[in-house]
Each structure stands twice: as C-alpha cells, then as structure tokens.
Amino acid sequence: MKRNEEGLSLFGFILIAALIAGVVVMGMKVLPAVIEYYTIAKNVRAVVKSPETRDASVVDIRKAYDRRALIDDIKSVEGKDLEVLKAGRGVTISYAYSRTIPLFANASLVLDFQDTFSSD
C-alpha cells in the first residue's frame, strides 16, 4: 500500500525560512528610522502644545525643539529644518525629510517622512 506523504519538504522549508529571515532583516533596518520619526513627532507636538511657545518668536520655537532633540539624540531634523508659521497666538510647525537605508549591494530603501502640527 502506497502512503501519500504530507508536510513541508526540505526545499519548501528553506525557502520559507529565507523569506522570513529577509523580512526580519528588513524590519531590523527600517525600525530605527520609524522610531526616530515618532520621536521627532512627539517632540514637535510637545513644542507646539507648550504654553511658552504662544508668545515666543520663531527662533525661540526652533531653540525649544533643538533642546528636546538634543535630549533624544535626534539627528535627522534640526530646528533650522522646521517650517514655523505663527498666526496670532497659534503656531503651526511642519517638517519633511528622507532616510535612505542600504539593503544589500547597490539596493537601498528610501523612506520619506513629513508631518504638520498645529496648536489651534
């Protein structure tokens, strides 16, 4: 009597393991950029919502962000990169930047980040 074998072959197992390993490696390379983006957003949001920025000048607002960025060791966006708009007592801060992540050989992944926060 011939029995039909079921299950995963060695070739199938190696292929699936390679795909999972590729996804994990890509995730490990992308995750720091995403974490940095959320840290930048947190700091900009905190500066916008801070009561001291309502009457502050654009230079003071950028300095307030730079102080927060120094604590969190943010290198991608500096105070001079922020677009600060003041309308009355309200403040709107926008920023945009790109991160290039080398994957292998001459292949890279480019992530574009942008956000806008307003105190209104």
PDB file of N, CA and C in Angstrom:
ATOM      1  N   MET A   1       0.824  -1.175   0.000  1.00  0.00           N
ATOM      2  CA  MET A   1       0.000   0.000   0.000  1.00  0.00           C
ATOM      3  C   MET A   1       0.875   1.248   0.000  1.00  0.00           C
ATOM      4  N   LYS A   2       0.613   2.147  -0.931  1.00  0.00           N
ATOM      5  CA  LYS A   2       1.385   3.375  -1.029  1.00  0.00           C
ATOM      6  C   LYS A   2       0.722   4.454  -0.174  1.00  0.00           C
ATOM      7  N   ARG A   3       1.557   5.096   0.653  1.00  0.00           N
ATOM      8  CA  ARG A   3       1.053   6.164   1.515  1.00  0.00           C
ATOM      9  C   ARG A   3       1.442   7.510   0.946  1.00  0.00           C
ATOM     10  N   ASN A   4       0.525   8.450   0.908  1.00  0.00           N
ATOM     11  CA  ASN A   4       0.835   9.808   0.481  1.00  0.00           C
ATOM     12  C   ASN A   4       1.442  10.568   1.649  1.00  0.00           C
ATOM     13  N   GLU A   5       2.619  11.088   1.380  1.00  0.00           N
ATOM     14  CA  GLU A   5       3.270  11.860   2.429  1.00  0.00           C
ATOM     15  C   GLU A   5       2.737  13.288   2.414  1.00  0.00           C
ATOM     16  N   GLU A   6       2.577  13.837   3.592  1.00  0.00           N
ATOM     17  CA  GLU A   6       2.118  15.203   3.727  1.00  0.00           C
ATOM     18  C   GLU A   6       3.126  15.970   4.560  1.00  0.00           C
ATOM     19  N   GLY A   7       3.144  17.247   4.346  1.00  0.00           N
ATOM     20  CA  GLY A   7       4.059  18.072   5.129  1.00  0.00           C
ATOM     21  C   GLY A   7       4.912  18.946   4.230  1.00  0.00           C
ATOM     22  N   LEU A   8       5.872  19.552   4.834  1.00  0.00           N
ATOM     23  CA  LEU A   8       6.729  20.517   4.162  1.00  0.00           C
ATOM     24  C   LEU A   8       8.031  19.831   3.757  1.00  0.00           C
ATOM     25  N   SER A   9       8.402  20.021   2.523  1.00  0.00           N
ATOM     26  CA  SER A   9       9.656  19.435   2.060  1.00  0.00           C
ATOM     27  C   SER A   9      10.829  20.278   2.549  1.00  0.00           C
ATOM     28  N   LEU A  10      12.018  19.756   2.448  1.00  0.00           N
ATOM     29  CA  LEU A  10      13.206  20.486   2.876  1.00  0.00           C
ATOM     30  C   LEU A  10      13.378  21.748   2.038  1.00  0.00           C
ATOM     31  N   PHE A  11      13.162  21.653   0.748  1.00  0.00           N
ATOM     32  CA  PHE A  11      13.271  22.830  -0.125  1.00  0.00           C
ATOM     33  C   PHE A  11      12.236  23.890   0.264  1.00  0.00           C
ATOM     34  N   GLY A  12      11.019  23.478   0.516  1.00  0.00           N
ATOM     35  CA  GLY A  12       9.975  24.411   0.931  1.00  0.00           C
ATOM     36  C   GLY A  12      10.308  25.071   2.261  1.00  0.00           C
ATOM     37  N   PHE A  13      10.844  24.293   3.189  1.00  0.00           N
ATOM     38  CA  PHE A  13      11.234  24.833   4.488  1.00  0.00           C
ATOM     39  C   PHE A  13      12.341  25.875   4.339  1.00  0.00           C
ATOM     40  N   ILE A  14      13.352  25.583   3.532  1.00  0.00           N
ATOM     41  CA  ILE A  14      14.462  26.521   3.331  1.00  0.00           C
ATOM     42  C   ILE A  14      13.956  27.794   2.662  1.00  0.00           C
ATOM     43  N   LEU A  15      13.057  27.672   1.686  1.00  0.00           N
ATOM     44  CA  LEU A  15      12.506  28.840   1.007  1.00  0.00           C
ATOM     45  C   LEU A  15      11.707  29.719   1.970  1.00  0.00           C
ATOM     46  N   ILE A  16      10.864  29.114   2.768  1.00  0.00           N
ATOM     47  CA  ILE A  16      10.064  29.879   3.734  1.00  0.00           C
ATOM     48  C   ILE A  16      10.962  30.513   4.798  1.00  0.00           C
ATOM     49  N   ALA A  17      11.967  29.791   5.257  1.00  0.00           N
ATOM     50  CA  ALA A  17      12.889  30.334   6.258  1.00  0.00           C
ATOM     51  C   ALA A  17      13.668  31.524   5.694  1.00  0.00           C
ATOM     52  N   ALA A  18      14.073  31.455   4.424  1.00  0.00           N
ATOM     53  CA  ALA A  18      14.797  32.556   3.794  1.00  0.00           C
ATOM     54  C   ALA A  18      13.896  33.786   3.652  1.00  0.00           C
ATOM     55  N   LEU A  19      12.645  33.587   3.296  1.00  0.00           N
ATOM     56  CA  LEU A  19      11.701  34.701   3.188  1.00  0.00           C
ATOM     57  C   LEU A  19      11.466  35.364   4.551  1.00  0.00           C
ATOM     58  N   ILE A  20      11.281  34.556   5.566  1.00  0.00           N
ATOM     59  CA  ILE A  20      11.073  35.100   6.914  1.00  0.00           C
ATOM     60  C   ILE A  20      12.322  35.836   7.381  1.00  0.00           C
ATOM     61  N   ALA A  21      13.498  35.276   7.120  1.00  0.00           N
ATOM     62  CA  ALA A  21      14.748  35.937   7.512  1.00  0.00           C
ATOM     63  C   ALA A  21      14.902  37.271   6.783  1.00  0.00           C
ATOM     64  N   GLY A  22      14.536  37.329   5.508  1.00  0.00           N
ATOM     65  CA  GLY A  22      14.606  38.583   4.750  1.00  0.00           C
ATOM     66  C   GLY A  22      13.681  39.645   5.319  1.00  0.00           C
ATOM     67  N   VAL A  23      12.479  39.254   5.681  1.00  0.00           N
ATOM     68  CA  VAL A  23      11.530  40.201   6.274  1.00  0.00           C
ATOM     69  C   VAL A  23      12.034  40.692   7.631  1.00  0.00           C
ATOM     70  N   VAL A  24      12.598  39.814   8.433  1.00  0.00           N
ATOM     71  CA  VAL A  24      13.118  40.198   9.749  1.00  0.00           C
ATOM     72  C   VAL A  24      14.304  41.154   9.601  1.00  0.00           C
ATOM     73  N   VAL A  25      15.208  40.868   8.685  1.00  0.00           N
ATOM     74  CA  VAL A  25      16.371  41.743   8.481  1.00  0.00           C
ATOM     75  C   VAL A  25      15.924  43.116   7.983  1.00  0.00           C
ATOM     76  N   MET A  26      14.967  43.156   7.061  1.00  0.00           N
ATOM     77  CA  MET A  26      14.477  44.441   6.569  1.00  0.00           C
ATOM     78  C   MET A  26      13.787  45.209   7.701  1.00  0.00           C
ATOM     79  N   GLY A  27      13.030  44.514   8.504  1.00  0.00           N
ATOM     80  CA  GLY A  27      12.378  45.159   9.641  1.00  0.00           C
ATOM     81  C   GLY A  27      13.378  45.727  10.636  1.00  0.00           C
ATOM     82  N   MET A  28      14.476  45.015  10.847  1.00  0.00           N
ATOM     83  CA  MET A  28      15.503  45.495  11.778  1.00  0.00           C
ATOM     84  C   MET A  28      16.213  46.729  11.228  1.00  0.00           C
ATOM     85  N   LYS A  29      16.269  46.864   9.922  1.00  0.00           N
ATOM     86  CA  LYS A  29      16.908  48.040   9.328  1.00  0.00           C
ATOM     87  C   LYS A  29      15.956  49.234   9.288  1.00  0.00           C
ATOM     88  N   VAL A  30      14.656  48.991   9.108  1.00  0.00           N
ATOM     89  CA  VAL A  30      13.671  50.061   8.983  1.00  0.00           C
ATOM     90  C   VAL A  30      13.200  50.565  10.350  1.00  0.00           C
ATOM     91  N   LEU A  31      13.143  49.706  11.330  1.00  0.00           N
ATOM     92  CA  LEU A  31      12.591  50.053  12.642  1.00  0.00           C
ATOM     93  C   LEU A  31      13.248  51.274  13.296  1.00  0.00           C
ATOM     94  N   PRO A  32      14.570  51.430  13.289  1.00  0.00           N
ATOM     95  CA  PRO A  32      15.154  52.632  13.901  1.00  0.00           C
ATOM     96  C   PRO A  32      14.697  53.938  13.239  1.00  0.00           C
ATOM     97  N   ALA A  33      14.505  53.937  11.924  1.00  0.00           N
ATOM     98  CA  ALA A  33      14.033  55.142  11.233  1.00  0.00           C
ATOM     99  C   ALA A  33      12.598  55.468  11.626  1.00  0.00           C
ATOM    100  N   VAL A  34      11.778  54.461  11.781  1.00  0.00           N
ATOM    101  CA  VAL A  34      10.388  54.678  12.170  1.00  0.00           C
ATOM    102  C   VAL A  34      10.312  55.163  13.617  1.00  0.00           C
ATOM    103  N   ILE A  35      11.120  54.577  14.485  1.00  0.00           N
ATOM    104  CA  ILE A  35      11.149  55.024  15.878  1.00  0.00           C
ATOM    105  C   ILE A  35      11.603  56.475  15.954  1.00  0.00           C
ATOM    106  N   GLU A  36      12.613  56.848  15.163  1.00  0.00           N
ATOM    107  CA  GLU A  36      13.084  58.226  15.153  1.00  0.00           C
ATOM    108  C   GLU A  36      11.983  59.170  14.663  1.00  0.00           C
ATOM    109  N   TYR A  37      11.226  58.756  13.648  1.00  0.00           N
ATOM    110  CA  TYR A  37      10.128  59.585  13.151  1.00  0.00           C
ATOM    111  C   TYR A  37       9.112  59.861  14.262  1.00  0.00           C
ATOM    112  N   TYR A  38       8.729  58.827  14.998  1.00  0.00           N
ATOM    113  CA  TYR A  38       7.757  59.029  16.077  1.00  0.00           C
ATOM    114  C   TYR A  38       8.335  59.881  17.205  1.00  0.00           C
ATOM    115  N   THR A  39       9.630  59.790  17.448  1.00  0.00           N
ATOM    116  CA  THR A  39      10.270  60.636  18.461  1.00  0.00           C
ATOM    117  C   THR A  39      10.269  62.090  18.012  1.00  0.00           C
ATOM    118  N   ILE A  40      10.561  62.337  16.743  1.00  0.00           N
ATOM    119  CA  ILE A  40      10.515  63.698  16.207  1.00  0.00           C
ATOM    120  C   ILE A  40       9.094  64.247  16.319  1.00  0.00           C
ATOM    121  N   ALA A  41       8.107  63.450  15.939  1.00  0.00           N
ATOM    122  CA  ALA A  41       6.712  63.891  16.012  1.00  0.00           C
ATOM    123  C   ALA A  41       6.320  64.211  17.453  1.00  0.00           C
ATOM    124  N   LYS A  42       6.761  63.385  18.398  1.00  0.00           N
ATOM    125  CA  LYS A  42       6.458  63.626  19.808  1.00  0.00           C
ATOM    126  C   LYS A  42       7.052  64.953  20.267  1.00  0.00           C
ATOM    127  N   ASN A  43       8.286  65.224  19.885  1.00  0.00           N
ATOM    128  CA  ASN A  43       8.948  66.457  20.300  1.00  0.00           C
ATOM    129  C   ASN A  43       8.324  67.693  19.658  1.00  0.00           C
ATOM    130  N   VAL A  44       7.980  67.615  18.380  1.00  0.00           N
ATOM    131  CA  VAL A  44       7.351  68.754  17.710  1.00  0.00           C
ATOM    132  C   VAL A  44       5.975  69.007  18.322  1.00  0.00           C
ATOM    133  N   ARG A  45       5.231  67.941  18.581  1.00  0.00           N
ATOM    134  CA  ARG A  45       3.919  68.091  19.201  1.00  0.00           C
ATOM    135  C   ARG A  45       4.045  68.744  20.577  1.00  0.00           C
ATOM    136  N   ALA A  46       5.050  68.358  21.342  1.00  0.00           N
ATOM    137  CA  ALA A  46       5.258  68.945  22.667  1.00  0.00           C
ATOM    138  C   ALA A  46       5.607  70.425  22.571  1.00  0.00           C
ATOM    139  N   VAL A  47       6.413  70.793  21.589  1.00  0.00           N
ATOM    140  CA  VAL A  47       6.766  72.211  21.407  1.00  0.00           C
ATOM    141  C   VAL A  47       5.532  73.009  21.004  1.00  0.00           C
ATOM    142  N   VAL A  48       4.707  72.452  20.114  1.00  0.00           N
ATOM    143  CA  VAL A  48       3.504  73.159  19.665  1.00  0.00           C
ATOM    144  C   VAL A  48       2.534  73.362  20.827  1.00  0.00           C
ATOM    145  N   LYS A  49       2.384  72.362  21.664  1.00  0.00           N
ATOM    146  CA  LYS A  49       1.411  72.438  22.752  1.00  0.00           C
ATOM    147  C   LYS A  49       1.944  73.160  23.983  1.00  0.00           C
ATOM    148  N   SER A  50       3.216  73.459  24.017  1.00  0.00           N
ATOM    149  CA  SER A  50       3.809  74.140  25.159  1.00  0.00           C
ATOM    150  C   SER A  50       3.265  75.564  25.269  1.00  0.00           C
ATOM    151  N   PRO A  51       2.852  75.979  26.472  1.00  0.00           N
ATOM    152  CA  PRO A  51       2.313  77.331  26.630  1.00  0.00           C
ATOM    153  C   PRO A  51       3.351  78.425  26.372  1.00  0.00           C
ATOM    154  N   GLU A  52       4.614  78.121  26.549  1.00  0.00           N
ATOM    155  CA  GLU A  52       5.653  79.134  26.348  1.00  0.00           C
ATOM    156  C   GLU A  52       5.859  79.489  24.875  1.00  0.00           C
ATOM    157  N   THR A  53       5.393  78.654  23.948  1.00  0.00           N
ATOM    158  CA  THR A  53       5.587  78.947  22.526  1.00  0.00           C
ATOM    159  C   THR A  53       4.516  79.874  21.964  1.00  0.00           C
ATOM    160  N   ARG A  54       3.471  80.138  22.707  1.00  0.00           N
ATOM    161  CA  ARG A  54       2.399  81.012  22.208  1.00  0.00           C
ATOM    162  C   ARG A  54       2.914  82.422  21.931  1.00  0.00           C
ATOM    163  N   ASP A  55       3.749  82.928  22.815  1.00  0.00           N
ATOM    164  CA  ASP A  55       4.272  84.285  22.658  1.00  0.00           C
ATOM    165  C   ASP A  55       5.731  84.302  22.208  1.00  0.00           C
ATOM    166  N   ALA A  56       6.280  83.133  21.900  1.00  0.00           N
ATOM    167  CA  ALA A  56       7.697  83.041  21.537  1.00  0.00           C
ATOM    168  C   ALA A  56       7.895  83.378  20.060  1.00  0.00           C
ATOM    169  N   SER A  57       9.103  83.783  19.743  1.00  0.00           N
ATOM    170  CA  SER A  57       9.446  84.048  18.344  1.00  0.00           C
ATOM    171  C   SER A  57       9.761  82.727  17.642  1.00  0.00           C
ATOM    172  N   VAL A  58       9.889  82.788  16.331  1.00  0.00           N
ATOM    173  CA  VAL A  58      10.212  81.594  15.549  1.00  0.00           C
ATOM    174  C   VAL A  58      11.566  81.033  15.977  1.00  0.00           C
ATOM    175  N   VAL A  59      12.524  81.900  16.248  1.00  0.00           N
ATOM    176  CA  VAL A  59      13.856  81.460  16.680  1.00  0.00           C
ATOM    177  C   VAL A  59      13.760  80.739  18.025  1.00  0.00           C
ATOM    178  N   ASP A  60      12.952  81.252  18.939  1.00  0.00           N
ATOM    179  CA  ASP A  60      12.785  80.615  20.249  1.00  0.00           C
ATOM    180  C   ASP A  60      12.113  79.250  20.128  1.00  0.00           C
ATOM    181  N   ILE A  61      11.163  79.153  19.215  1.00  0.00           N
ATOM    182  CA  ILE A  61      10.481  77.867  18.996  1.00  0.00           C
ATOM    183  C   ILE A  61      11.470  76.842  18.449  1.00  0.00           C
ATOM    184  N   ARG A  62      12.306  77.256  17.518  1.00  0.00           N
ATOM    185  CA  ARG A  62      13.313  76.333  16.970  1.00  0.00           C
ATOM    186  C   ARG A  62      14.317  75.921  18.045  1.00  0.00           C
ATOM    187  N   LYS A  63      14.693  76.854  18.904  1.00  0.00           N
ATOM    188  CA  LYS A  63      15.613  76.523  20.003  1.00  0.00           C
ATOM    189  C   LYS A  63      14.964  75.553  20.987  1.00  0.00           C
ATOM    190  N   ALA A  64      13.661  75.725  21.242  1.00  0.00           N
ATOM    191  CA  ALA A  64      12.948  74.803  22.132  1.00  0.00           C
ATOM    192  C   ALA A  64      12.958  73.391  21.548  1.00  0.00           C
ATOM    193  N   TYR A  65      12.758  73.293  20.237  1.00  0.00           N
ATOM    194  CA  TYR A  65      12.831  71.969  19.600  1.00  0.00           C
ATOM    195  C   TYR A  65      14.248  71.409  19.686  1.00  0.00           C
ATOM    196  N   ASP A  66      15.261  72.236  19.425  1.00  0.00           N
ATOM    197  CA  ASP A  66      16.647  71.770  19.474  1.00  0.00           C
ATOM    198  C   ASP A  66      17.006  71.221  20.857  1.00  0.00           C
ATOM    199  N   ARG A  67      16.490  71.843  21.922  1.00  0.00           N
ATOM    200  CA  ARG A  67      16.760  71.333  23.269  1.00  0.00           C
ATOM    201  C   ARG A  67      16.166  69.940  23.450  1.00  0.00           C
ATOM    202  N   ARG A  68      14.946  69.751  22.972  1.00  0.00           N
ATOM    203  CA  ARG A  68      14.312  68.431  23.071  1.00  0.00           C
ATOM    204  C   ARG A  68      15.028  67.404  22.179  1.00  0.00           C
ATOM    205  N   ALA A  69      15.436  67.825  20.991  1.00  0.00           N
ATOM    206  CA  ALA A  69      16.121  66.913  20.072  1.00  0.00           C
ATOM    207  C   ALA A  69      17.481  66.497  20.624  1.00  0.00           C
ATOM    208  N   LEU A  70      18.131  67.377  21.334  1.00  0.00           N
ATOM    209  CA  LEU A  70      19.426  67.049  21.934  1.00  0.00           C
ATOM    210  C   LEU A  70      19.268  65.959  22.982  1.00  0.00           C
ATOM    211  N   ILE A  71      18.222  66.040  23.767  1.00  0.00           N
ATOM    212  CA  ILE A  71      17.976  65.034  24.804  1.00  0.00           C
ATOM    213  C   ILE A  71      17.702  63.670  24.179  1.00  0.00           C
ATOM    214  N   ASP A  72      16.907  63.641  23.103  1.00  0.00           N
ATOM    215  CA  ASP A  72      16.546  62.370  22.457  1.00  0.00           C
ATOM    216  C   ASP A  72      17.525  61.942  21.375  1.00  0.00           C
ATOM    217  N   ASP A  73      18.614  62.695  21.182  1.00  0.00           N
ATOM    218  CA  ASP A  73      19.661  62.368  20.210  1.00  0.00           C
ATOM    219  C   ASP A  73      19.095  62.225  18.789  1.00  0.00           C
ATOM    220  N   ILE A  74      18.335  63.223  18.372  1.00  0.00           N
ATOM    221  CA  ILE A  74      17.754  63.248  17.033  1.00  0.00           C
ATOM    222  C   ILE A  74      18.708  63.981  16.104  1.00  0.00           C
ATOM    223  N   LYS A  75      19.064  63.338  15.000  1.00  0.00           N
ATOM    224  CA  LYS A  75      19.995  63.927  14.043  1.00  0.00           C
ATOM    225  C   LYS A  75      19.335  64.288  12.708  1.00  0.00           C
ATOM    226  N   SER A  76      18.194  63.686  12.392  1.00  0.00           N
ATOM    227  CA  SER A  76      17.587  63.866  11.072  1.00  0.00           C
ATOM    228  C   SER A  76      16.925  65.222  10.880  1.00  0.00           C
ATOM    229  N   VAL A  77      16.328  65.761  11.921  1.00  0.00           N
ATOM    230  CA  VAL A  77      15.626  67.045  11.826  1.00  0.00           C
ATOM    231  C   VAL A  77      16.147  67.959  12.919  1.00  0.00           C
ATOM    232  N   GLU A  78      16.647  69.119  12.505  1.00  0.00           N
ATOM    233  CA  GLU A  78      17.125  70.123  13.458  1.00  0.00           C
ATOM    234  C   GLU A  78      16.128  71.279  13.465  1.00  0.00           C
ATOM    235  N   GLY A  79      16.311  72.189  14.385  1.00  0.00           N
ATOM    236  CA  GLY A  79      15.421  73.335  14.483  1.00  0.00           C
ATOM    237  C   GLY A  79      15.371  74.156  13.213  1.00  0.00           C
ATOM    238  N   LYS A  80      16.499  74.260  12.523  1.00  0.00           N
ATOM    239  CA  LYS A  80      16.530  75.044  11.284  1.00  0.00           C
ATOM    240  C   LYS A  80      15.748  74.374  10.158  1.00  0.00           C
ATOM    241  N   ASP A  81      15.449  73.080  10.286  1.00  0.00           N
ATOM    242  CA  ASP A  81      14.691  72.350   9.273  1.00  0.00           C
ATOM    243  C   ASP A  81      13.181  72.494   9.450  1.00  0.00           C
ATOM    244  N   LEU A  82      12.753  73.035  10.566  1.00  0.00           N
ATOM    245  CA  LEU A  82      11.327  73.178  10.835  1.00  0.00           C
ATOM    246  C   LEU A  82      10.772  74.405  10.124  1.00  0.00           C
ATOM    247  N   GLU A  83       9.595  74.264   9.566  1.00  0.00           N
ATOM    248  CA  GLU A  83       8.886  75.396   8.986  1.00  0.00           C
ATOM    249  C   GLU A  83       7.864  75.845  10.028  1.00  0.00           C
ATOM    250  N   VAL A  84       8.116  76.993  10.620  1.00  0.00           N
ATOM    251  CA  VAL A  84       7.282  77.502  11.710  1.00  0.00           C
ATOM    252  C   VAL A  84       6.446  78.658  11.194  1.00  0.00           C
ATOM    253  N   LEU A  85       5.131  78.542  11.350  1.00  0.00           N
ATOM    254  CA  LEU A  85       4.213  79.600  10.953  1.00  0.00           C
ATOM    255  C   LEU A  85       3.438  80.051  12.185  1.00  0.00           C
ATOM    256  N   LYS A  86       3.402  81.366  12.391  1.00  0.00           N
ATOM    257  CA  LYS A  86       2.661  81.925  13.512  1.00  0.00           C
ATOM    258  C   LYS A  86       1.482  82.704  12.967  1.00  0.00           C
ATOM    259  N   ALA A  87       0.310  82.412  13.514  1.00  0.00           N
ATOM    260  CA  ALA A  87      -0.903  83.130  13.144  1.00  0.00           C
ATOM    261  C   ALA A  87      -1.590  83.546  14.438  1.00  0.00           C
ATOM    262  N   GLY A  88      -1.456  84.787  14.781  1.00  0.00           N
ATOM    263  CA  GLY A  88      -1.990  85.257  16.056  1.00  0.00           C
ATOM    264  C   GLY A  88      -1.215  84.618  17.192  1.00  0.00           C
ATOM    265  N   ARG A  89      -1.936  83.928  18.066  1.00  0.00           N
ATOM    266  CA  ARG A  89      -1.277  83.218  19.165  1.00  0.00           C
ATOM    267  C   ARG A  89      -1.057  81.739  18.833  1.00  0.00           C
ATOM    268  N   GLY A  90      -1.493  81.309  17.672  1.00  0.00           N
ATOM    269  CA  GLY A  90      -1.339  79.921  17.273  1.00  0.00           C
ATOM    270  C   GLY A  90      -0.028  79.678  16.536  1.00  0.00           C
ATOM    271  N   VAL A  91       0.439  78.442  16.611  1.00  0.00           N
ATOM    272  CA  VAL A  91       1.692  78.050  15.970  1.00  0.00           C
ATOM    273  C   VAL A  91       1.446  76.786  15.152  1.00  0.00           C
ATOM    274  N   THR A  92       2.000  76.754  13.945  1.00  0.00           N
ATOM    275  CA  THR A  92       1.971  75.558  13.107  1.00  0.00           C
ATOM    276  C   THR A  92       3.409  75.219  12.740  1.00  0.00           C
ATOM    277  N   ILE A  93       3.789  73.967  12.993  1.00  0.00           N
ATOM    278  CA  ILE A  93       5.145  73.504  12.680  1.00  0.00           C
ATOM    279  C   ILE A  93       5.042  72.339  11.708  1.00  0.00           C
ATOM    280  N   SER A  94       5.782  72.444  10.610  1.00  0.00           N
ATOM    281  CA  SER A  94       5.836  71.387   9.605  1.00  0.00           C
ATOM    282  C   SER A  94       7.284  70.971   9.397  1.00  0.00           C
ATOM    283  N   TYR A  95       7.471  69.730   8.989  1.00  0.00           N
ATOM    284  CA  TYR A  95       8.799  69.246   8.646  1.00  0.00           C
ATOM    285  C   TYR A  95       8.666  68.100   7.647  1.00  0.00           C
ATOM    286  N   ALA A  96       9.712  67.892   6.887  1.00  0.00           N
ATOM    287  CA  ALA A  96       9.776  66.790   5.929  1.00  0.00           C
ATOM    288  C   ALA A  96      11.241  66.407   5.760  1.00  0.00           C
ATOM    289  N   TYR A  97      11.492  65.108   5.699  1.00  0.00           N
ATOM    290  CA  TYR A  97      12.854  64.623   5.487  1.00  0.00           C
ATOM    291  C   TYR A  97      12.815  63.212   4.912  1.00  0.00           C
ATOM    292  N   SER A  98      13.943  62.770   4.386  1.00  0.00           N
ATOM    293  CA  SER A  98      14.074  61.431   3.804  1.00  0.00           C
ATOM    294  C   SER A  98      15.176  60.670   4.508  1.00  0.00           C
ATOM    295  N   ARG A  99      15.005  59.372   4.603  1.00  0.00           N
ATOM    296  CA  ARG A  99      16.057  58.492   5.116  1.00  0.00           C
ATOM    297  C   ARG A  99      16.325  57.425   4.069  1.00  0.00           C
ATOM    298  N   THR A 100      17.591  57.227   3.742  1.00  0.00           N
ATOM    299  CA  THR A 100      17.996  56.170   2.818  1.00  0.00           C
ATOM    300  C   THR A 100      18.617  55.050   3.619  1.00  0.00           C
ATOM    301  N   ILE A 101      18.066  53.851   3.454  1.00  0.00           N
ATOM    302  CA  ILE A 101      18.528  52.685   4.204  1.00  0.00           C
ATOM    303  C   ILE A 101      19.134  51.699   3.216  1.00  0.00           C
ATOM    304  N   PRO A 102      20.449  51.457   3.305  1.00  0.00           N
ATOM    305  CA  PRO A 102      21.063  50.484   2.395  1.00  0.00           C
ATOM    306  C   PRO A 102      20.603  49.067   2.750  1.00  0.00           C
ATOM    307  N   LEU A 103      20.174  48.313   1.739  1.00  0.00           N
ATOM    308  CA  LEU A 103      19.716  46.949   1.975  1.00  0.00           C
ATOM    309  C   LEU A 103      20.815  45.936   1.674  1.00  0.00           C
ATOM    310  N   PHE A 104      21.238  45.883   0.417  1.00  0.00           N
ATOM    311  CA  PHE A 104      22.321  44.984   0.022  1.00  0.00           C
ATOM    312  C   PHE A 104      22.894  45.484  -1.299  1.00  0.00           C
ATOM    313  N   ALA A 105      24.169  45.255  -1.479  1.00  0.00           N
ATOM    314  CA  ALA A 105      24.885  45.692  -2.686  1.00  0.00           C
ATOM    315  C   ALA A 105      24.535  47.143  -3.009  1.00  0.00           C
ATOM    316  N   ASN A 106      23.919  47.390  -4.169  1.00  0.00           N
ATOM    317  CA  ASN A 106      23.586  48.757  -4.534  1.00  0.00           C
ATOM    318  C   ASN A 106      22.087  49.039  -4.425  1.00  0.00           C
ATOM    319  N   ALA A 107      21.368  48.246  -3.663  1.00  0.00           N
ATOM    320  CA  ALA A 107      19.932  48.445  -3.463  1.00  0.00           C
ATOM    321  C   ALA A 107      19.690  49.139  -2.127  1.00  0.00           C
ATOM    322  N   SER A 108      18.853  50.165  -2.171  1.00  0.00           N
ATOM    323  CA  SER A 108      18.532  50.927  -0.969  1.00  0.00           C
ATOM    324  C   SER A 108      17.033  51.141  -0.889  1.00  0.00           C
ATOM    325  N   LEU A 109      16.578  51.430   0.311  1.00  0.00           N
ATOM    326  CA  LEU A 109      15.189  51.753   0.559  1.00  0.00           C
ATOM    327  C   LEU A 109      15.131  53.204   1.006  1.00  0.00           C
ATOM    328  N   VAL A 110      14.290  54.012   0.369  1.00  0.00           N
ATOM    329  CA  VAL A 110      14.161  55.423   0.718  1.00  0.00           C
ATOM    330  C   VAL A 110      12.815  55.628   1.398  1.00  0.00           C
ATOM    331  N   LEU A 111      12.851  56.183   2.611  1.00  0.00           N
ATOM    332  CA  LEU A 111      11.638  56.491   3.363  1.00  0.00           C
ATOM    333  C   LEU A 111      11.484  58.002   3.427  1.00  0.00           C
ATOM    334  N   ASP A 112      10.327  58.503   3.028  1.00  0.00           N
ATOM    335  CA  ASP A 112      10.031  59.931   3.093  1.00  0.00           C
ATOM    336  C   ASP A 112       9.059  60.164   4.242  1.00  0.00           C
ATOM    337  N   PHE A 113       9.427  61.058   5.152  1.00  0.00           N
ATOM    338  CA  PHE A 113       8.596  61.383   6.300  1.00  0.00           C
ATOM    339  C   PHE A 113       8.212  62.855   6.230  1.00  0.00           C
ATOM    340  N   GLN A 114       6.979  63.167   6.595  1.00  0.00           N
ATOM    341  CA  GLN A 114       6.541  64.555   6.699  1.00  0.00           C
ATOM    342  C   GLN A 114       5.360  64.610   7.659  1.00  0.00           C
ATOM    343  N   ASP A 115       5.227  65.752   8.322  1.00  0.00           N
ATOM    344  CA  ASP A 115       4.134  65.909   9.274  1.00  0.00           C
ATOM    345  C   ASP A 115       3.921  67.380   9.553  1.00  0.00           C
ATOM    346  N   THR A 116       2.749  67.717  10.048  1.00  0.00           N
ATOM    347  CA  THR A 116       2.400  69.079  10.418  1.00  0.00           C
ATOM    348  C   THR A 116       1.612  69.031  11.729  1.00  0.00           C
ATOM    349  N   PHE A 117       1.987  69.914  12.641  1.00  0.00           N
ATOM    350  CA  PHE A 117       1.280  70.019  13.922  1.00  0.00           C
ATOM    351  C   PHE A 117       0.882  71.464  14.131  1.00  0.00           C
ATOM    352  N   SER A 118      -0.319  71.656  14.660  1.00  0.00           N
ATOM    353  CA  SER A 118      -0.844  72.993  14.870  1.00  0.00           C
ATOM    354  C   SER A 118      -1.399  73.112  16.282  1.00  0.00           C
ATOM    355  N   SER A 119      -1.260  74.286  16.878  1.00  0.00           N
ATOM    356  CA  SER A 119      -1.771  74.493  18.232  1.00  0.00           C
ATOM    357  C   SER A 119      -3.238  74.889  18.236  1.00  0.00           C
ATOM    358  N   ASP A 120      -3.812  75.106  17.073  1.00  0.00           N
ATOM    359  CA  ASP A 120      -5.231  75.501  17.004  1.00  0.00           C
ATOM    360  C   ASP A 120      -6.138  74.334  17.226  1.00  0.00           C
TER     361      ASP A 120
END
